[in-house]
Amino acid sequence: MEQSNKCIFCDEELVNNSDEELLNCHYCNKKVLAKEKCTQCHYICESCKLKSTRDIIKDYCANTKSENPIDIMNLLMRHPAINIHGLEHHFLVSAALISAYYNTIGEFDKKVPALMEAEKRYGSAIEGQCGFYGVCGAAVGTGIYISVVTGANISSEEEWSLTNLMTSNSLKSVAINGGPRCCKRHSYLVVEEAVKFTDKNLRVKMEMSDKIMCQFSDFNAQCNKTKCIFYNAKNKEKIKV
């Protein structure tokens, strides 16, 4: 995403104060002495600015208590390290779903091992596979999510079927909504499918946003604008933090 002197959370101007004060980082939640903030006191610490993309996603998902995977994704997609398009969305989808799932059922101790397993599987992602292979990586991310939380493997029966059915549902949703590529649109689509699938097949009801409004169309030269179901013409909706 483009860099500016505006807060990535609320679009208010960043102000550099003469005196330092304790501010909470919105990604790691650590209190840090800092001068620069917006009027809403949103802040990202230097440590979180310098982390690898995978660590940013993994660490935030390990610590958040949110039960809404869309809210988790939106906050992470505002981070400067998350590109408008990129392989990181494949892991982001599975990580947001894993985090929201375990937060919903209250099994917080299982999140970190599950996130580490998803990260390991994400390592096999291929650039451009949505167009060249017909397999959207974000959709695969939902399959990874179901596989991890159900403990599926190549010898499983019901879990194996659920994992493949999840990916199939996600791919169909991506295909129906058409191209060109848009990692934001695909991520929203497949997470919607995964939330419905989880409710129906695992009897776990995660929180879901009533209406998803994309915050990133202004940064995407290939945006479908009004042809996209998530397009926000005013683009003024703020990310929930």
Protein backbone atom coordinates (compact mmCIF):
# COMPACT_ATOMS: atom_id res chain seq x y z
CA MET A 1 0.00 0.00 0.00
CA GLU A 2 1.06 3.58 -0.58
CA GLN A 3 2.78 5.34 2.29
CA SER A 4 1.41 8.66 3.53
CA ASN A 5 1.36 10.85 6.59
CA LYS A 6 -2.08 9.52 7.51
CA CYS A 7 -3.04 6.88 10.05
CA ILE A 8 -3.57 3.50 8.36
CA PHE A 9 -6.49 2.77 10.69
CA CYS A 10 -8.63 5.90 10.52
CA ASP A 11 -7.04 8.12 7.81
CA GLU A 12 -6.54 10.99 10.26
CA GLU A 13 -3.32 13.00 9.95
CA LEU A 14 -0.38 11.79 12.05
CA VAL A 15 0.87 14.35 14.54
CA ASN A 16 4.43 14.51 15.86
CA ASN A 17 4.27 15.74 19.46
CA SER A 18 7.17 17.30 21.32
CA ASP A 19 6.67 15.06 24.36
CA GLU A 20 6.66 11.27 24.37
CA GLU A 21 3.76 9.34 25.84
CA LEU A 22 2.88 5.69 26.39
CA LEU A 23 0.92 4.31 23.44
CA ASN A 24 -0.43 0.83 22.79
CA CYS A 25 0.69 -0.82 19.54
CA HIS A 26 -2.39 -2.04 17.68
CA TYR A 27 -0.61 -5.21 16.51
CA CYS A 28 1.37 -6.49 19.51
CA ASN A 29 -0.49 -4.46 22.19
CA LYS A 30 2.79 -3.48 23.88
CA LYS A 31 3.05 -0.08 25.53
CA VAL A 32 5.78 2.01 23.93
CA LEU A 33 7.00 5.58 24.47
CA ALA A 34 6.36 7.46 21.25
CA LYS A 35 5.74 10.91 19.80
CA GLU A 36 3.87 10.22 16.56
CA LYS A 37 0.18 9.32 16.69
CA CYS A 38 -3.15 10.28 15.17
CA THR A 39 -5.97 12.07 16.97
CA GLN A 40 -7.45 8.66 17.86
CA CYS A 41 -4.13 7.50 19.39
CA HIS A 42 -3.65 4.68 16.87
CA TYR A 43 -0.03 3.52 16.82
CA ILE A 44 2.30 0.86 15.35
CA CYS A 45 5.56 0.22 17.18
CA GLU A 46 8.87 0.05 15.30
CA SER A 47 9.21 -3.65 16.10
CA CYS A 48 5.94 -4.45 14.31
CA LYS A 49 6.91 -2.23 11.37
CA LEU A 50 10.09 -4.27 10.88
CA LYS A 51 8.68 -7.79 11.29
CA SER A 52 8.39 -10.16 8.34
CA THR A 53 4.93 -10.39 6.78
CA ARG A 54 4.43 -13.91 8.10
CA ASP A 55 5.40 -12.91 11.64
CA ILE A 56 3.07 -9.88 11.54
CA ILE A 57 0.15 -12.12 10.60
CA LYS A 58 1.05 -14.97 12.93
CA ASP A 59 1.78 -12.81 15.99
CA TYR A 60 -1.36 -10.70 15.67
CA CYS A 61 -3.59 -13.74 15.12
CA ALA A 62 -2.02 -15.46 18.12
CA ASN A 63 -2.86 -12.53 20.41
CA THR A 64 -6.18 -11.15 19.20
CA LYS A 65 -9.40 -12.22 20.92
CA SER A 66 -11.60 -11.32 17.96
CA GLU A 67 -14.12 -13.93 16.79
CA ASN A 68 -14.60 -12.16 13.45
CA PRO A 69 -12.13 -13.26 10.72
CA ILE A 70 -13.06 -10.32 8.47
CA ASP A 71 -12.16 -7.82 11.19
CA ILE A 72 -8.88 -9.67 11.76
CA MET A 73 -8.05 -9.60 8.04
CA ASN A 74 -8.99 -5.96 7.58
CA LEU A 75 -6.73 -4.81 10.39
CA LEU A 76 -3.82 -6.86 9.06
CA MET A 77 -4.37 -5.77 5.46
CA ARG A 78 -3.91 -2.16 6.59
CA HIS A 79 -0.36 -2.95 7.69
CA PRO A 80 2.23 -1.39 5.33
CA ALA A 81 3.93 -4.77 4.85
CA ILE A 82 0.81 -6.36 3.33
CA ASN A 83 0.79 -5.70 -0.42
CA ILE A 84 -2.35 -5.00 -2.42
CA HIS A 85 -1.70 -8.34 -4.19
CA GLY A 86 0.57 -11.09 -2.93
CA LEU A 87 1.13 -14.59 -1.64
CA GLU A 88 0.76 -13.38 1.94
CA HIS A 89 -3.03 -13.41 1.48
CA HIS A 90 -2.97 -17.22 1.27
CA PHE A 91 -1.61 -17.47 4.80
CA LEU A 92 -3.64 -14.48 5.98
CA VAL A 93 -6.91 -16.25 5.16
CA SER A 94 -6.06 -19.44 7.04
CA ALA A 95 -4.54 -17.55 9.98
CA ALA A 96 -7.54 -15.23 10.42
CA LEU A 97 -9.94 -18.19 10.29
CA ILE A 98 -7.86 -20.29 12.70
CA SER A 99 -7.66 -17.42 15.16
CA ALA A 100 -11.38 -16.61 15.01
CA TYR A 101 -12.30 -20.30 15.26
CA TYR A 102 -10.30 -21.00 18.42
CA ASN A 103 -11.35 -17.68 19.93
CA THR A 104 -14.99 -18.65 19.35
CA ILE A 105 -14.70 -22.05 21.02
CA GLY A 106 -12.43 -20.71 23.76
CA GLU A 107 -9.48 -23.04 23.08
CA PHE A 108 -6.84 -20.33 22.99
CA ASP A 109 -3.95 -22.69 23.75
CA LYS A 110 -4.43 -24.41 20.38
CA LYS A 111 -4.00 -21.25 18.31
CA VAL A 112 -0.22 -20.98 18.19
CA PRO A 113 0.44 -24.64 17.19
CA ALA A 114 -2.31 -24.37 14.58
CA LEU A 115 -0.94 -21.10 13.18
CA MET A 116 2.56 -22.58 12.98
CA GLU A 117 1.22 -25.60 11.09
CA ALA A 118 -0.70 -23.37 8.67
CA GLU A 119 2.41 -21.25 8.12
CA LYS A 120 4.42 -24.35 7.28
CA ARG A 121 1.85 -25.44 4.68
CA TYR A 122 1.66 -21.93 3.26
CA GLY A 123 5.31 -22.31 2.21
CA SER A 124 4.23 -24.26 -0.88
CA ALA A 125 2.20 -21.34 -2.32
CA ILE A 126 2.91 -20.39 -5.95
CA GLU A 127 2.82 -16.88 -7.43
CA GLY A 128 -0.05 -16.38 -9.91
CA GLN A 129 -1.60 -19.81 -9.36
CA CYS A 130 -5.12 -18.34 -9.63
CA GLY A 131 -4.55 -17.46 -13.30
CA PHE A 132 -1.98 -20.06 -14.34
CA TYR A 133 -3.28 -23.13 -12.45
CA GLY A 134 -6.92 -22.29 -11.80
CA VAL A 135 -6.40 -22.65 -8.04
CA CYS A 136 -6.76 -19.46 -6.01
CA GLY A 137 -4.35 -19.48 -3.08
CA ALA A 138 -6.88 -17.77 -0.81
CA ALA A 139 -9.29 -20.63 -1.49
CA VAL A 140 -6.54 -23.11 -0.65
CA GLY A 141 -6.11 -21.15 2.58
CA THR A 142 -9.63 -22.17 3.61
CA GLY A 143 -8.79 -25.80 2.91
CA ILE A 144 -5.66 -25.47 5.06
CA TYR A 145 -7.81 -23.96 7.82
CA ILE A 146 -10.31 -26.84 7.83
CA SER A 147 -7.53 -29.40 7.58
CA VAL A 148 -5.69 -27.93 10.57
CA VAL A 149 -8.69 -27.53 12.91
CA THR A 150 -10.10 -30.98 12.09
CA GLY A 151 -6.74 -32.75 12.14
CA ALA A 152 -7.16 -34.00 8.57
CA ASN A 153 -4.46 -35.92 6.73
CA ILE A 154 -4.20 -38.04 3.58
CA SER A 155 -5.57 -41.10 5.43
CA SER A 156 -8.55 -39.33 7.01
CA GLU A 157 -12.11 -40.05 5.94
CA GLU A 158 -14.66 -37.39 6.92
CA GLU A 159 -11.97 -34.75 7.63
CA TRP A 160 -10.39 -35.37 4.22
CA SER A 161 -13.74 -34.87 2.53
CA LEU A 162 -14.50 -31.70 4.49
CA THR A 163 -11.12 -30.21 3.60
CA ASN A 164 -11.58 -30.76 -0.13
CA LEU A 165 -15.22 -29.66 -0.06
CA MET A 166 -14.20 -26.44 1.69
CA THR A 167 -11.64 -25.61 -0.99
CA SER A 168 -14.15 -26.54 -3.70
CA ASN A 169 -16.79 -24.17 -2.31
CA SER A 170 -14.26 -21.37 -2.05
CA LEU A 171 -12.99 -21.86 -5.60
CA LYS A 172 -16.55 -21.81 -6.96
CA SER A 173 -17.24 -18.51 -5.19
CA VAL A 174 -14.05 -16.97 -6.59
CA ALA A 175 -14.82 -18.23 -10.11
CA ILE A 176 -18.42 -16.98 -10.11
CA ASN A 177 -17.31 -13.50 -9.10
CA GLY A 178 -14.82 -13.35 -11.95
CA GLY A 179 -11.44 -11.81 -12.66
CA PRO A 180 -9.05 -10.15 -12.92
CA ARG A 181 -7.15 -11.12 -9.78
CA CYS A 182 -7.90 -9.22 -6.61
CA CYS A 183 -6.45 -10.69 -3.44
CA LYS A 184 -8.77 -8.56 -1.28
CA ARG A 185 -11.94 -9.67 -3.10
CA HIS A 186 -10.89 -13.31 -3.09
CA SER A 187 -9.99 -13.19 0.60
CA TYR A 188 -13.40 -11.75 1.50
CA LEU A 189 -15.23 -14.27 -0.68
CA VAL A 190 -13.50 -17.36 0.66
CA VAL A 191 -13.72 -16.28 4.30
CA GLU A 192 -17.46 -15.78 3.87
CA GLU A 193 -17.66 -19.33 2.51
CA ALA A 194 -15.53 -20.68 5.35
CA VAL A 195 -17.66 -19.05 8.06
CA LYS A 196 -20.83 -20.59 6.56
CA PHE A 197 -19.11 -23.95 6.09
CA THR A 198 -17.83 -23.98 9.67
CA ASP A 199 -21.28 -23.22 11.04
CA LYS A 200 -22.90 -25.98 8.98
CA ASN A 201 -20.30 -28.73 9.29
CA LEU A 202 -18.43 -28.05 12.55
CA ARG A 203 -21.31 -26.41 14.46
CA VAL A 204 -19.14 -23.41 15.33
CA LYS A 205 -20.63 -19.98 14.60
CA MET A 206 -17.95 -17.33 14.20
CA GLU A 207 -18.86 -13.65 14.08
CA MET A 208 -19.42 -12.26 10.59
CA SER A 209 -19.65 -8.70 9.33
CA ASP A 210 -23.16 -7.82 8.10
CA LYS A 211 -21.85 -6.11 4.99
CA ILE A 212 -18.24 -6.21 3.87
CA MET A 213 -17.05 -2.94 2.36
CA CYS A 214 -13.63 -2.98 0.71
CA GLN A 215 -11.18 -0.34 1.95
CA PHE A 216 -8.52 -0.96 -0.70
CA SER A 217 -10.05 -0.13 -4.10
CA ASP A 218 -8.12 3.14 -4.36
CA PHE A 219 -4.85 1.20 -4.16
CA ASN A 220 -5.74 -1.39 -6.82
CA ALA A 221 -5.30 -0.35 -10.45
CA GLN A 222 -7.20 -3.48 -11.56
CA CYS A 223 -10.20 -2.92 -9.27
CA ASN A 224 -13.52 -3.94 -10.85
CA LYS A 225 -15.20 -1.00 -9.10
CA THR A 226 -19.01 -1.31 -9.27
CA LYS A 227 -18.78 -4.85 -10.69
CA CYS A 228 -17.37 -6.04 -7.35
CA ILE A 229 -19.86 -6.90 -4.59
CA PHE A 230 -17.51 -5.39 -1.98
CA TYR A 231 -16.87 -2.10 -3.78
CA ASN A 232 -17.27 0.98 -1.63
CA ALA A 233 -17.69 4.00 -3.89
CA LYS A 234 -17.15 6.49 -1.07
CA ASN A 235 -14.33 4.41 0.39
CA LYS A 236 -14.71 6.19 3.72
CA GLU A 237 -15.61 3.26 5.96
CA LYS A 238 -13.06 2.92 8.77
CA ILE A 239 -11.45 -0.30 9.85
CA LYS A 240 -12.77 -1.63 13.16
CA VAL A 241 -9.95 -1.55 15.74
